[in-house]
Amino acid sequence: MEERQLKNIKRYLQSEDVQERIQQYMQRGRSEATVSIGRVAQLFQLKESKLRDWETRGLLKPLRSKDITGQRQYSPAELDKLAIIKELVDEGGYAPSDIPPDIDSIWYSISRSEGQQDQTLKFSGAQVEHTREADHMPIDQRVNYVTAIAHAYLRRCQLYSCWLDITTA
């Protein structure tokens, strides 16, 4: 590619209105991107029946395909929520019945609260920016990333719970 052409492209992409349009397209793409139940089961190493059970319990709300099959389709937000649920069930020892349907809201309130000064994960401005970068990762890498974050916060919650037990005894 000619250097002059590359400069023109860069100049064009620096335009505020162009950047705004591109961001809108990206956001629309992310909001409409979904993953089938089979692929989700594979990514999270779960059986499809378990995903359906968690849906019945109100923990998950997958979209349905518009065709005649009505296949379950999971959005990026549902995948994030699933990573939290999987961590709580597999590693935290919680039963699905113990988990509230709004666990994702609880997760986000914990992970984004001010003053969370944990050594394993600090959500400074740079860390939040790094988290936003995860939106651009392939779905399997994003699942691994969110699972790692869930592990770290579960450990933090367990340590905090132990600390509360000690200080209130």
C-alpha atoms as a PDB file:
ATOM      1  CA  MET A   1       0.000   0.000   0.000  1.00  0.00           C
ATOM      2  CA  GLU A   2       1.202   3.442  -0.857  1.00  0.00           C
ATOM      3  CA  GLU A   3       2.309   5.553   2.107  1.00  0.00           C
ATOM      4  CA  ARG A   4       0.270   8.546   0.972  1.00  0.00           C
ATOM      5  CA  GLN A   5      -2.869   6.412   0.828  1.00  0.00           C
ATOM      6  CA  LEU A   6      -2.179   5.092   4.336  1.00  0.00           C
ATOM      7  CA  LYS A   7      -1.830   8.661   5.647  1.00  0.00           C
ATOM      8  CA  ASN A   8      -5.143   9.595   4.031  1.00  0.00           C
ATOM      9  CA  ILE A   9      -6.828   6.601   5.673  1.00  0.00           C
ATOM     10  CA  LYS A  10      -5.397   7.517   9.080  1.00  0.00           C
ATOM     11  CA  ARG A  11      -6.470  11.141   8.663  1.00  0.00           C
ATOM     12  CA  TYR A  12      -9.982  10.028   7.684  1.00  0.00           C
ATOM     13  CA  LEU A  13     -10.214   7.682  10.678  1.00  0.00           C
ATOM     14  CA  GLN A  14      -9.211  10.487  13.048  1.00  0.00           C
ATOM     15  CA  SER A  15     -12.339  12.460  12.194  1.00  0.00           C
ATOM     16  CA  GLU A  16     -14.681  12.666  15.180  1.00  0.00           C
ATOM     17  CA  ASP A  17     -17.840  11.900  13.187  1.00  0.00           C
ATOM     18  CA  VAL A  18     -16.156   8.916  11.486  1.00  0.00           C
ATOM     19  CA  GLN A  19     -15.044   7.564  14.852  1.00  0.00           C
ATOM     20  CA  GLU A  20     -18.556   7.999  16.213  1.00  0.00           C
ATOM     21  CA  ARG A  21     -20.080   6.073  13.287  1.00  0.00           C
ATOM     22  CA  ILE A  22     -17.533   3.280  13.626  1.00  0.00           C
ATOM     23  CA  GLN A  23     -18.217   3.032  17.370  1.00  0.00           C
ATOM     24  CA  GLN A  24     -21.956   2.795  16.646  1.00  0.00           C
ATOM     25  CA  TYR A  25     -21.365  -0.021  14.150  1.00  0.00           C
ATOM     26  CA  MET A  26     -19.122  -1.835  16.611  1.00  0.00           C
ATOM     27  CA  GLN A  27     -21.644  -1.476  19.420  1.00  0.00           C
ATOM     28  CA  ARG A  28     -24.460  -2.673  17.182  1.00  0.00           C
ATOM     29  CA  GLY A  29     -22.381  -5.652  16.114  1.00  0.00           C
ATOM     30  CA  ARG A  30     -21.628  -6.557  19.717  1.00  0.00           C
ATOM     31  CA  SER A  31     -25.233  -6.154  20.794  1.00  0.00           C
ATOM     32  CA  GLU A  32     -26.480  -8.414  18.015  1.00  0.00           C
ATOM     33  CA  ALA A  33     -23.697 -11.008  18.187  1.00  0.00           C
ATOM     34  CA  THR A  34     -24.836 -14.258  19.725  1.00  0.00           C
ATOM     35  CA  VAL A  35     -23.473 -17.738  20.332  1.00  0.00           C
ATOM     36  CA  SER A  36     -25.492 -20.932  19.986  1.00  0.00           C
ATOM     37  CA  ILE A  37     -26.237 -23.123  22.987  1.00  0.00           C
ATOM     38  CA  GLY A  38     -23.995 -25.861  21.595  1.00  0.00           C
ATOM     39  CA  ARG A  39     -21.016 -23.526  21.311  1.00  0.00           C
ATOM     40  CA  VAL A  40     -21.673 -22.096  24.783  1.00  0.00           C
ATOM     41  CA  ALA A  41     -21.785 -25.596  26.258  1.00  0.00           C
ATOM     42  CA  GLN A  42     -18.482 -26.326  24.550  1.00  0.00           C
ATOM     43  CA  LEU A  43     -16.822 -23.072  25.681  1.00  0.00           C
ATOM     44  CA  PHE A  44     -17.884 -23.474  29.302  1.00  0.00           C
ATOM     45  CA  GLN A  45     -17.549 -27.260  29.385  1.00  0.00           C
ATOM     46  CA  LEU A  46     -21.190 -27.710  30.372  1.00  0.00           C
ATOM     47  CA  LYS A  47     -23.993 -29.884  29.119  1.00  0.00           C
ATOM     48  CA  GLU A  48     -26.753 -28.166  27.182  1.00  0.00           C
ATOM     49  CA  SER A  49     -29.253 -29.630  29.657  1.00  0.00           C
ATOM     50  CA  LYS A  50     -27.531 -27.743  32.495  1.00  0.00           C
ATOM     51  CA  LEU A  51     -27.844 -24.487  30.548  1.00  0.00           C
ATOM     52  CA  ARG A  52     -31.538 -25.188  29.992  1.00  0.00           C
ATOM     53  CA  ASP A  53     -31.971 -25.958  33.703  1.00  0.00           C
ATOM     54  CA  TRP A  54     -30.325 -22.677  34.683  1.00  0.00           C
ATOM     55  CA  GLU A  55     -32.629 -20.925  32.225  1.00  0.00           C
ATOM     56  CA  THR A  56     -35.652 -22.591  33.854  1.00  0.00           C
ATOM     57  CA  ARG A  57     -34.419 -21.365  37.239  1.00  0.00           C
ATOM     58  CA  GLY A  58     -34.281 -17.814  35.858  1.00  0.00           C
ATOM     59  CA  LEU A  59     -30.491 -17.534  36.049  1.00  0.00           C
ATOM     60  CA  LEU A  60     -30.056 -17.193  32.282  1.00  0.00           C
ATOM     61  CA  LYS A  61     -32.227 -15.542  29.649  1.00  0.00           C
ATOM     62  CA  PRO A  62     -30.895 -16.511  26.224  1.00  0.00           C
ATOM     63  CA  LEU A  63     -32.423 -15.046  23.116  1.00  0.00           C
ATOM     64  CA  ARG A  64     -34.252 -17.323  20.691  1.00  0.00           C
ATOM     65  CA  SER A  65     -33.388 -17.533  17.012  1.00  0.00           C
ATOM     66  CA  LYS A  66     -36.032 -16.077  14.740  1.00  0.00           C
ATOM     67  CA  ASP A  67     -36.264 -19.160  12.577  1.00  0.00           C
ATOM     68  CA  ILE A  68     -38.616 -22.075  13.167  1.00  0.00           C
ATOM     69  CA  THR A  69     -36.180 -23.858  15.509  1.00  0.00           C
ATOM     70  CA  GLY A  70     -36.124 -21.116  18.143  1.00  0.00           C
ATOM     71  CA  GLN A  71     -32.604 -22.169  19.149  1.00  0.00           C
ATOM     72  CA  ARG A  72     -31.176 -20.530  22.244  1.00  0.00           C
ATOM     73  CA  GLN A  73     -28.655 -17.803  21.448  1.00  0.00           C
ATOM     74  CA  TYR A  74     -26.421 -16.273  24.107  1.00  0.00           C
ATOM     75  CA  SER A  75     -25.371 -12.616  23.961  1.00  0.00           C
ATOM     76  CA  PRO A  76     -22.017 -11.400  25.300  1.00  0.00           C
ATOM     77  CA  ALA A  77     -23.808 -10.169  28.444  1.00  0.00           C
ATOM     78  CA  GLU A  78     -25.313 -13.618  29.029  1.00  0.00           C
ATOM     79  CA  LEU A  79     -21.878 -15.186  28.533  1.00  0.00           C
ATOM     80  CA  ASP A  80     -20.457 -12.867  31.182  1.00  0.00           C
ATOM     81  CA  LYS A  81     -23.285 -13.835  33.532  1.00  0.00           C
ATOM     82  CA  LEU A  82     -22.707 -17.511  32.782  1.00  0.00           C
ATOM     83  CA  ALA A  83     -19.017 -17.159  33.720  1.00  0.00           C
ATOM     84  CA  ILE A  84     -20.077 -15.818  37.129  1.00  0.00           C
ATOM     85  CA  ILE A  85     -22.629 -18.590  37.659  1.00  0.00           C
ATOM     86  CA  LYS A  86     -20.187 -21.303  36.592  1.00  0.00           C
ATOM     87  CA  GLU A  87     -17.558 -19.999  39.012  1.00  0.00           C
ATOM     88  CA  LEU A  88     -20.006 -19.907  41.905  1.00  0.00           C
ATOM     89  CA  VAL A  89     -21.270 -23.431  41.226  1.00  0.00           C
ATOM     90  CA  ASP A  90     -18.006 -25.147  40.255  1.00  0.00           C
ATOM     91  CA  GLU A  91     -15.489 -23.463  42.537  1.00  0.00           C
ATOM     92  CA  GLY A  92     -17.542 -21.620  45.141  1.00  0.00           C
ATOM     93  CA  GLY A  93     -19.638 -24.607  46.152  1.00  0.00           C
ATOM     94  CA  TYR A  94     -22.936 -22.793  45.692  1.00  0.00           C
ATOM     95  CA  ALA A  95     -26.069 -24.523  44.466  1.00  0.00           C
ATOM     96  CA  PRO A  96     -27.908 -22.889  41.543  1.00  0.00           C
ATOM     97  CA  SER A  97     -30.832 -22.296  43.925  1.00  0.00           C
ATOM     98  CA  ASP A  98     -28.505 -20.151  46.085  1.00  0.00           C
ATOM     99  CA  ILE A  99     -27.700 -17.802  43.209  1.00  0.00           C
ATOM    100  CA  PRO A 100     -29.999 -14.813  42.642  1.00  0.00           C
ATOM    101  CA  PRO A 101     -31.174 -14.095  39.084  1.00  0.00           C
ATOM    102  CA  ASP A 102     -29.477 -10.676  39.206  1.00  0.00           C
ATOM    103  CA  ILE A 103     -26.036 -12.098  40.051  1.00  0.00           C
ATOM    104  CA  ASP A 104     -24.555 -10.127  37.176  1.00  0.00           C
ATOM    105  CA  SER A 105     -25.727  -6.850  38.741  1.00  0.00           C
ATOM    106  CA  ILE A 106     -24.211  -7.933  42.045  1.00  0.00           C
ATOM    107  CA  TRP A 107     -20.977  -8.841  40.263  1.00  0.00           C
ATOM    108  CA  TYR A 108     -20.763  -5.496  38.488  1.00  0.00           C
ATOM    109  CA  SER A 109     -21.497  -3.560  41.686  1.00  0.00           C
ATOM    110  CA  ILE A 110     -18.661  -5.410  43.433  1.00  0.00           C
ATOM    111  CA  SER A 111     -16.190  -5.282  40.582  1.00  0.00           C
ATOM    112  CA  ARG A 112     -16.776  -1.597  39.865  1.00  0.00           C
ATOM    113  CA  SER A 113     -17.109  -0.227  43.391  1.00  0.00           C
ATOM    114  CA  GLU A 114     -14.779   2.508  44.467  1.00  0.00           C
ATOM    115  CA  GLY A 115     -12.073   1.647  46.936  1.00  0.00           C
ATOM    116  CA  GLN A 116     -11.684  -2.013  46.018  1.00  0.00           C
ATOM    117  CA  GLN A 117      -7.970  -2.250  46.761  1.00  0.00           C
ATOM    118  CA  ASP A 118      -7.223  -5.954  46.348  1.00  0.00           C
ATOM    119  CA  GLN A 119      -3.692  -7.003  45.450  1.00  0.00           C
ATOM    120  CA  THR A 120      -4.894  -9.579  42.939  1.00  0.00           C
ATOM    121  CA  LEU A 121      -7.063  -7.168  40.985  1.00  0.00           C
ATOM    122  CA  LYS A 122      -7.218  -3.393  41.178  1.00  0.00           C
ATOM    123  CA  PHE A 123      -9.761  -1.640  39.005  1.00  0.00           C
ATOM    124  CA  SER A 124      -7.855   1.553  38.424  1.00  0.00           C
ATOM    125  CA  GLY A 125      -8.618   3.582  35.324  1.00  0.00           C
ATOM    126  CA  ALA A 126      -6.084   1.502  33.378  1.00  0.00           C
ATOM    127  CA  GLN A 127      -7.619  -1.790  34.570  1.00  0.00           C
ATOM    128  CA  VAL A 128     -11.117  -0.687  33.591  1.00  0.00           C
ATOM    129  CA  GLU A 129      -9.761   0.268  30.171  1.00  0.00           C
ATOM    130  CA  HIS A 130      -8.106  -3.154  29.928  1.00  0.00           C
ATOM    131  CA  THR A 131     -11.453  -4.751  30.815  1.00  0.00           C
ATOM    132  CA  ARG A 132     -13.119  -2.835  27.993  1.00  0.00           C
ATOM    133  CA  GLU A 133     -10.464  -4.222  25.649  1.00  0.00           C
ATOM    134  CA  ALA A 134     -11.825  -7.683  26.467  1.00  0.00           C
ATOM    135  CA  ASP A 135     -14.893  -6.749  24.428  1.00  0.00           C
ATOM    136  CA  HIS A 136     -12.730  -7.101  21.326  1.00  0.00           C
ATOM    137  CA  MET A 137     -11.373 -10.555  22.193  1.00  0.00           C
ATOM    138  CA  PRO A 138     -12.595 -13.708  20.481  1.00  0.00           C
ATOM    139  CA  ILE A 139     -15.413 -15.230  22.516  1.00  0.00           C
ATOM    140  CA  ASP A 140     -13.387 -18.138  23.942  1.00  0.00           C
ATOM    141  CA  GLN A 141     -10.639 -15.771  25.147  1.00  0.00           C
ATOM    142  CA  ARG A 142     -13.269 -13.476  26.613  1.00  0.00           C
ATOM    143  CA  VAL A 143     -14.815 -16.388  28.516  1.00  0.00           C
ATOM    144  CA  ASN A 144     -11.398 -17.319  29.935  1.00  0.00           C
ATOM    145  CA  TYR A 145     -10.739 -13.683  30.860  1.00  0.00           C
ATOM    146  CA  VAL A 146     -14.064 -13.240  32.664  1.00  0.00           C
ATOM    147  CA  THR A 147     -13.645 -16.596  34.420  1.00  0.00           C
ATOM    148  CA  ALA A 148     -10.232 -15.499  35.731  1.00  0.00           C
ATOM    149  CA  ILE A 149     -11.756 -12.274  37.048  1.00  0.00           C
ATOM    150  CA  ALA A 150     -14.580 -14.240  38.697  1.00  0.00           C
ATOM    151  CA  HIS A 151     -12.004 -16.510  40.377  1.00  0.00           C
ATOM    152  CA  ALA A 152     -10.155 -13.497  41.757  1.00  0.00           C
ATOM    153  CA  TYR A 153     -13.290 -11.887  43.137  1.00  0.00           C
ATOM    154  CA  LEU A 154     -14.588 -15.101  44.624  1.00  0.00           C
ATOM    155  CA  ARG A 155     -11.286 -15.444  46.491  1.00  0.00           C
ATOM    156  CA  ARG A 156     -11.656 -11.835  47.608  1.00  0.00           C
ATOM    157  CA  CYS A 157     -15.199 -12.477  48.863  1.00  0.00           C
ATOM    158  CA  GLN A 158     -14.095 -15.603  50.713  1.00  0.00           C
ATOM    159  CA  LEU A 159     -11.212 -13.719  52.359  1.00  0.00           C
ATOM    160  CA  TYR A 160     -13.531 -10.855  53.291  1.00  0.00           C
ATOM    161  CA  SER A 161     -16.057 -13.320  54.731  1.00  0.00           C
ATOM    162  CA  CYS A 162     -13.310 -14.950  56.831  1.00  0.00           C
ATOM    163  CA  TRP A 163     -12.165 -11.516  57.988  1.00  0.00           C
ATOM    164  CA  LEU A 164     -15.727 -10.640  59.028  1.00  0.00           C
ATOM    165  CA  ASP A 165     -16.017 -13.905  60.955  1.00  0.00           C
ATOM    166  CA  ILE A 166     -12.784 -13.142  62.819  1.00  0.00           C
ATOM    167  CA  THR A 167     -13.590  -9.500  63.582  1.00  0.00           C
ATOM    168  CA  THR A 168     -17.169 -10.149  64.722  1.00  0.00           C
ATOM    169  CA  ALA A 169     -16.341 -13.202  66.869  1.00  0.00           C
END
